[in-house]
Amino acid sequence: MRAWCLLAAYAVALVVACASAGQAQIMRWTVPHWWLPGALCVHRHESYDWHLVDWPYFGGMQFEIKTWWSVGGRGSIYQARWSSPAEQLYRAYRVWRRDGGSWREWPTTSRICGLQ
């Protein structure tokens, strides 16, 4: 429950530090209030750990590296797996938006969570 409270705080405004050409860049973003619980449900069914590698997937949202890169993630699968939960949620949100509000990248778990 403590982890849920911590991550729920990200729903209001997330700050993610990303490396960009050798400089830190701060991105601020918000998500619809209903999106984060769905993402956290997907996480609970995808992975027990935000830093898990279950080849060819990694992290708390079990990204494929090509998906991670397609939404601006950097590094190899072993480097990217150490990204913070906030960074992973940000990339998941970008995937969701890129796919037109679809959870198609997480087909099984999105059905378990009742997401479209």
C-alpha atoms as a PDB file:
ATOM      1  CA  MET A   1       0.000   0.000   0.000  1.00  0.00           C
ATOM      2  CA  ARG A   2       2.899   2.347   0.766  1.00  0.00           C
ATOM      3  CA  ALA A   3       4.234   1.945  -2.787  1.00  0.00           C
ATOM      4  CA  TRP A   4       0.767   2.765  -4.162  1.00  0.00           C
ATOM      5  CA  CYS A   5       0.638   5.995  -2.133  1.00  0.00           C
ATOM      6  CA  LEU A   6       4.103   6.965  -3.298  1.00  0.00           C
ATOM      7  CA  LEU A   7       3.299   6.300  -6.944  1.00  0.00           C
ATOM      8  CA  ALA A   8      -0.127   7.925  -6.696  1.00  0.00           C
ATOM      9  CA  ALA A   9       1.643  11.171  -5.857  1.00  0.00           C
ATOM     10  CA  TYR A  10       3.090  11.023  -9.364  1.00  0.00           C
ATOM     11  CA  ALA A  11      -0.407  11.333 -10.833  1.00  0.00           C
ATOM     12  CA  VAL A  12      -0.560  15.014  -9.957  1.00  0.00           C
ATOM     13  CA  ALA A  13       2.739  15.992 -11.550  1.00  0.00           C
ATOM     14  CA  LEU A  14       5.706  13.833 -12.382  1.00  0.00           C
ATOM     15  CA  VAL A  15       9.178  15.156 -12.766  1.00  0.00           C
ATOM     16  CA  VAL A  16      11.493  12.928 -14.695  1.00  0.00           C
ATOM     17  CA  ALA A  17      15.155  13.652 -15.252  1.00  0.00           C
ATOM     18  CA  CYS A  18      16.451  12.442 -18.581  1.00  0.00           C
ATOM     19  CA  ALA A  19      19.827  12.708 -20.183  1.00  0.00           C
ATOM     20  CA  SER A  20      19.760  14.735 -23.336  1.00  0.00           C
ATOM     21  CA  ALA A  21      23.017  15.300 -25.199  1.00  0.00           C
ATOM     22  CA  GLY A  22      24.973  15.155 -21.974  1.00  0.00           C
ATOM     23  CA  GLN A  23      22.719  17.596 -20.125  1.00  0.00           C
ATOM     24  CA  ALA A  24      19.958  16.826 -17.656  1.00  0.00           C
ATOM     25  CA  GLN A  25      16.581  17.862 -18.933  1.00  0.00           C
ATOM     26  CA  ILE A  26      13.558  18.094 -16.636  1.00  0.00           C
ATOM     27  CA  MET A  27      10.196  17.152 -18.061  1.00  0.00           C
ATOM     28  CA  ARG A  28       6.972  17.837 -16.195  1.00  0.00           C
ATOM     29  CA  TRP A  29       3.874  15.943 -17.118  1.00  0.00           C
ATOM     30  CA  THR A  30       0.496  15.035 -15.782  1.00  0.00           C
ATOM     31  CA  VAL A  31      -1.739  12.113 -16.504  1.00  0.00           C
ATOM     32  CA  PRO A  32      -5.502  11.801 -16.445  1.00  0.00           C
ATOM     33  CA  HIS A  33      -6.577  10.848 -12.908  1.00  0.00           C
ATOM     34  CA  TRP A  34      -7.910   7.503 -14.135  1.00  0.00           C
ATOM     35  CA  TRP A  35      -4.782   6.483 -16.105  1.00  0.00           C
ATOM     36  CA  LEU A  36      -2.331   5.820 -13.267  1.00  0.00           C
ATOM     37  CA  PRO A  37      -4.407   3.149 -11.454  1.00  0.00           C
ATOM     38  CA  GLY A  38      -4.651   1.255 -14.755  1.00  0.00           C
ATOM     39  CA  ALA A  39      -0.903   1.511 -15.314  1.00  0.00           C
ATOM     40  CA  LEU A  40      -0.197   0.322 -11.783  1.00  0.00           C
ATOM     41  CA  CYS A  41      -2.554  -2.626 -12.285  1.00  0.00           C
ATOM     42  CA  VAL A  42      -0.632  -3.536 -15.439  1.00  0.00           C
ATOM     43  CA  HIS A  43       2.624  -3.245 -13.474  1.00  0.00           C
ATOM     44  CA  ARG A  44       1.348  -5.543 -10.696  1.00  0.00           C
ATOM     45  CA  HIS A  45       0.476  -8.216 -13.247  1.00  0.00           C
ATOM     46  CA  GLU A  46       3.570  -7.736 -15.435  1.00  0.00           C
ATOM     47  CA  SER A  47       6.295  -7.611 -12.796  1.00  0.00           C
ATOM     48  CA  TYR A  48       6.915  -7.746  -9.080  1.00  0.00           C
ATOM     49  CA  ASP A  49       9.921  -5.431  -9.428  1.00  0.00           C
ATOM     50  CA  TRP A  50      10.571  -2.182 -11.294  1.00  0.00           C
ATOM     51  CA  HIS A  51      14.053  -3.462 -12.250  1.00  0.00           C
ATOM     52  CA  LEU A  52      13.275  -6.996 -13.414  1.00  0.00           C
ATOM     53  CA  VAL A  53      14.661  -8.399 -16.656  1.00  0.00           C
ATOM     54  CA  ASP A  54      12.673 -11.273 -18.108  1.00  0.00           C
ATOM     55  CA  TRP A  55      14.253 -11.421 -21.543  1.00  0.00           C
ATOM     56  CA  PRO A  56      13.271  -9.820 -23.898  1.00  0.00           C
ATOM     57  CA  TYR A  57      11.300  -7.608 -21.480  1.00  0.00           C
ATOM     58  CA  PHE A  58      12.505  -5.359 -18.689  1.00  0.00           C
ATOM     59  CA  GLY A  59      11.321  -3.106 -15.904  1.00  0.00           C
ATOM     60  CA  GLY A  60       8.078  -2.750 -14.047  1.00  0.00           C
ATOM     61  CA  MET A  61       6.047  -2.459 -17.237  1.00  0.00           C
ATOM     62  CA  GLN A  62       8.027  -5.197 -19.038  1.00  0.00           C
ATOM     63  CA  PHE A  63       9.032  -3.090 -22.040  1.00  0.00           C
ATOM     64  CA  GLU A  64      10.648  -4.530 -25.125  1.00  0.00           C
ATOM     65  CA  ILE A  65      13.746  -2.471 -25.820  1.00  0.00           C
ATOM     66  CA  LYS A  66      12.448  -1.358 -29.236  1.00  0.00           C
ATOM     67  CA  THR A  67       9.277  -0.044 -27.568  1.00  0.00           C
ATOM     68  CA  TRP A  68      11.372   1.728 -24.916  1.00  0.00           C
ATOM     69  CA  TRP A  69      13.474   3.399 -27.607  1.00  0.00           C
ATOM     70  CA  SER A  70      10.399   4.323 -29.678  1.00  0.00           C
ATOM     71  CA  VAL A  71       9.175   6.645 -26.908  1.00  0.00           C
ATOM     72  CA  GLY A  72      12.513   8.249 -26.111  1.00  0.00           C
ATOM     73  CA  GLY A  73      13.985   5.772 -23.629  1.00  0.00           C
ATOM     74  CA  ARG A  74      17.747   5.431 -23.780  1.00  0.00           C
ATOM     75  CA  GLY A  75      20.313   2.743 -23.193  1.00  0.00           C
ATOM     76  CA  SER A  76      20.543  -0.982 -23.579  1.00  0.00           C
ATOM     77  CA  ILE A  77      18.055  -3.258 -21.904  1.00  0.00           C
ATOM     78  CA  TYR A  78      20.423  -3.667 -18.957  1.00  0.00           C
ATOM     79  CA  GLN A  79      20.917   0.072 -18.536  1.00  0.00           C
ATOM     80  CA  ALA A  80      17.280   0.949 -19.121  1.00  0.00           C
ATOM     81  CA  ARG A  81      16.042  -1.544 -16.540  1.00  0.00           C
ATOM     82  CA  TRP A  82      17.497   0.703 -13.829  1.00  0.00           C
ATOM     83  CA  SER A  83      15.262   3.583 -14.845  1.00  0.00           C
ATOM     84  CA  SER A  84      13.127   4.905 -12.020  1.00  0.00           C
ATOM     85  CA  PRO A  85       9.474   3.902 -11.676  1.00  0.00           C
ATOM     86  CA  ALA A  86       8.570   7.482 -12.643  1.00  0.00           C
ATOM     87  CA  GLU A  87      10.609   7.228 -15.846  1.00  0.00           C
ATOM     88  CA  GLN A  88       9.006   3.883 -16.692  1.00  0.00           C
ATOM     89  CA  LEU A  89       5.502   5.240 -16.067  1.00  0.00           C
ATOM     90  CA  TYR A  90       6.297   8.264 -18.217  1.00  0.00           C
ATOM     91  CA  ARG A  91       7.435   6.012 -21.075  1.00  0.00           C
ATOM     92  CA  ALA A  92       4.358   3.792 -20.616  1.00  0.00           C
ATOM     93  CA  TYR A  93       2.149   6.866 -20.841  1.00  0.00           C
ATOM     94  CA  ARG A  94       3.910   7.897 -24.050  1.00  0.00           C
ATOM     95  CA  VAL A  95       3.337   4.393 -25.471  1.00  0.00           C
ATOM     96  CA  TRP A  96      -0.344   4.560 -24.472  1.00  0.00           C
ATOM     97  CA  ARG A  97      -0.753   7.980 -26.114  1.00  0.00           C
ATOM     98  CA  ARG A  98       1.227   6.957 -29.207  1.00  0.00           C
ATOM     99  CA  ASP A  99      -1.138   4.010 -29.601  1.00  0.00           C
ATOM    100  CA  GLY A 100      -4.184   6.285 -29.517  1.00  0.00           C
ATOM    101  CA  GLY A 101      -5.135   5.600 -25.899  1.00  0.00           C
ATOM    102  CA  SER A 102      -4.700   1.854 -26.315  1.00  0.00           C
ATOM    103  CA  TRP A 103      -3.126  -0.665 -23.943  1.00  0.00           C
ATOM    104  CA  ARG A 104      -2.306  -2.966 -26.883  1.00  0.00           C
ATOM    105  CA  GLU A 105       1.363  -3.230 -25.843  1.00  0.00           C
ATOM    106  CA  TRP A 106       0.152  -5.078 -22.724  1.00  0.00           C
ATOM    107  CA  PRO A 107      -2.646  -7.242 -24.175  1.00  0.00           C
ATOM    108  CA  THR A 108      -3.015  -9.923 -21.507  1.00  0.00           C
ATOM    109  CA  THR A 109      -2.572  -7.770 -18.445  1.00  0.00           C
ATOM    110  CA  SER A 110      -4.728  -4.960 -19.785  1.00  0.00           C
ATOM    111  CA  ARG A 111      -7.596  -7.443 -20.150  1.00  0.00           C
ATOM    112  CA  ILE A 112      -6.992  -8.687 -16.592  1.00  0.00           C
ATOM    113  CA  CYS A 113      -7.136  -5.066 -15.414  1.00  0.00           C
ATOM    114  CA  GLY A 114     -10.289  -4.325 -17.415  1.00  0.00           C
ATOM    115  CA  LEU A 115      -8.558  -1.819 -19.704  1.00  0.00           C
ATOM    116  CA  GLN A 116      -9.226  -1.276 -23.392  1.00  0.00           C
END
